[in-house]
């Protein structure tokens, strides 16, 4: 069994910053790609950013230059630094981890950007 625990969500004003973290525990072996996705009310879950086990990153266009994804392979964690937040970034954020042919999701953490 693998568990993903997310932290760092909350309420922030437009232009502010938040840092999301996701820690994997349990039967961990050879973690592959790690990523963050988000789902706003009434919308489908979509990609925010991913990072491969080689450190190659991808971002959805709307967050490029504002968000930074990173990972710590020794600690089995993935982090999303979010700067210059906008109201349209409001969503539940989920981390995703792949190991072999298996995919694991976190429980989600709410990010609300509002004045």
Protein backbone atom coordinates (compact mmCIF):
# COMPACT_ATOMS: atom_id res chain seq x y z
CA UNK A 1 0.00 0.00 0.00
CA UNK A 2 1.11 3.53 -0.77
CA UNK A 3 -0.20 6.62 0.94
CA UNK A 4 0.12 10.19 -0.30
CA UNK A 5 -0.36 12.98 2.21
CA UNK A 6 -0.72 16.54 0.96
CA UNK A 7 -0.31 19.72 2.92
CA UNK A 8 -0.02 23.46 2.43
CA UNK A 9 -3.37 24.50 1.00
CA UNK A 10 -5.39 27.40 2.32
CA UNK A 11 -6.81 30.84 1.67
CA UNK A 12 -4.58 33.50 0.14
CA UNK A 13 -5.13 36.90 -1.41
CA UNK A 14 -4.51 37.51 -5.12
CA UNK A 15 -0.81 37.98 -5.73
CA UNK A 16 0.11 35.86 -2.74
CA UNK A 17 2.01 32.59 -2.50
CA UNK A 18 1.43 29.09 -1.22
CA UNK A 19 3.60 26.00 -1.08
CA UNK A 20 2.03 22.57 -1.47
CA UNK A 21 3.81 19.41 -0.39
CA UNK A 22 3.03 15.75 -0.95
CA UNK A 23 4.78 12.94 0.88
CA UNK A 24 4.61 9.32 -0.22
CA UNK A 25 4.89 6.52 2.33
CA UNK A 26 4.32 2.79 2.55
CA UNK A 27 5.53 0.26 0.00
CA UNK A 28 7.69 2.67 -1.95
CA UNK A 29 9.84 1.50 -4.82
CA UNK A 30 11.23 3.23 -7.87
CA UNK A 31 8.96 6.28 -8.01
CA UNK A 32 8.58 7.55 -11.55
CA UNK A 33 6.85 10.75 -12.53
CA UNK A 34 5.26 12.93 -9.86
CA UNK A 35 2.80 15.70 -10.47
CA UNK A 36 0.11 18.07 -9.37
CA UNK A 37 -3.39 18.32 -10.80
CA UNK A 38 -6.31 20.54 -9.86
CA UNK A 39 -10.06 20.50 -10.08
CA UNK A 40 -12.20 23.60 -9.83
CA UNK A 41 -15.95 23.39 -9.13
CA UNK A 42 -17.84 22.22 -12.18
CA UNK A 43 -14.66 21.46 -14.12
CA UNK A 44 -12.65 18.36 -14.88
CA UNK A 45 -9.41 17.59 -13.11
CA UNK A 46 -6.50 18.91 -15.14
CA UNK A 47 -2.72 18.90 -15.16
CA UNK A 48 -0.85 21.66 -13.36
CA UNK A 49 2.74 20.43 -13.43
CA UNK A 50 4.76 17.23 -13.59
CA UNK A 51 8.34 16.27 -12.89
CA UNK A 52 10.01 13.11 -14.14
CA UNK A 53 12.41 10.99 -12.12
CA UNK A 54 15.15 12.73 -14.13
CA UNK A 55 13.91 16.15 -13.05
CA UNK A 56 12.31 17.15 -16.34
CA UNK A 57 9.37 19.44 -15.69
CA UNK A 58 6.23 20.34 -17.59
CA UNK A 59 3.64 23.00 -16.79
CA UNK A 60 0.24 23.90 -18.05
CA UNK A 61 0.43 27.23 -19.88
CA UNK A 62 -1.57 29.20 -17.35
CA UNK A 63 0.93 28.61 -14.53
CA UNK A 64 4.24 28.90 -16.38
CA UNK A 65 6.48 31.46 -14.76
CA UNK A 66 4.39 31.47 -11.57
CA UNK A 67 4.52 27.88 -10.28
CA UNK A 68 7.57 25.69 -9.69
CA UNK A 69 7.49 21.94 -9.14
CA UNK A 70 10.32 20.10 -7.43
CA UNK A 71 10.98 16.73 -5.86
CA UNK A 72 13.16 15.20 -3.18
CA UNK A 73 13.85 11.60 -4.11
CA UNK A 74 15.44 10.82 -0.75
CA UNK A 75 12.29 11.89 1.08
CA UNK A 76 9.78 10.75 -1.57
CA UNK A 77 8.20 14.19 -1.69
CA UNK A 78 6.99 16.51 -4.41
CA UNK A 79 6.44 20.22 -3.85
CA UNK A 80 4.58 22.91 -5.77
CA UNK A 81 5.62 26.49 -5.09
CA UNK A 82 2.83 28.79 -6.25
CA UNK A 83 3.51 32.51 -6.63
CA UNK A 84 1.46 35.40 -8.01
CA UNK A 85 -1.71 33.47 -7.33
CA UNK A 86 -4.88 34.45 -9.16
CA UNK A 87 -8.55 33.81 -8.33
CA UNK A 88 -8.68 31.38 -11.26
CA UNK A 89 -6.12 29.20 -9.46
CA UNK A 90 -8.80 28.35 -6.91
CA UNK A 91 -9.30 24.58 -6.91
CA UNK A 92 -8.66 21.37 -5.06
CA UNK A 93 -5.08 20.35 -5.78
CA UNK A 94 -4.12 16.66 -5.99
CA UNK A 95 -0.71 15.10 -6.15
CA UNK A 96 -0.13 12.07 -8.35
CA UNK A 97 2.69 9.55 -8.18
CA UNK A 98 3.52 6.73 -10.54
CA UNK A 99 5.37 3.56 -9.60
CA UNK A 100 5.75 1.02 -12.34
CA UNK A 101 2.28 0.53 -13.82
CA UNK A 102 0.52 1.85 -10.70
CA UNK A 103 -0.81 5.36 -10.18
CA UNK A 104 -1.56 6.86 -6.77
CA UNK A 105 -3.48 10.01 -5.90
CA UNK A 106 -3.51 12.14 -2.80
CA UNK A 107 -6.72 13.12 -1.05
CA UNK A 108 -6.58 16.70 -2.29
CA UNK A 109 -5.96 20.03 -0.63
CA UNK A 110 -8.08 23.15 -1.13
CA UNK A 111 -6.47 26.30 -2.48
CA UNK A 112 -8.65 29.41 -2.45
CA UNK A 113 -7.44 32.71 -3.90
CA UNK A 114 -9.73 35.53 -2.87
CA UNK A 115 -9.64 39.01 -1.44
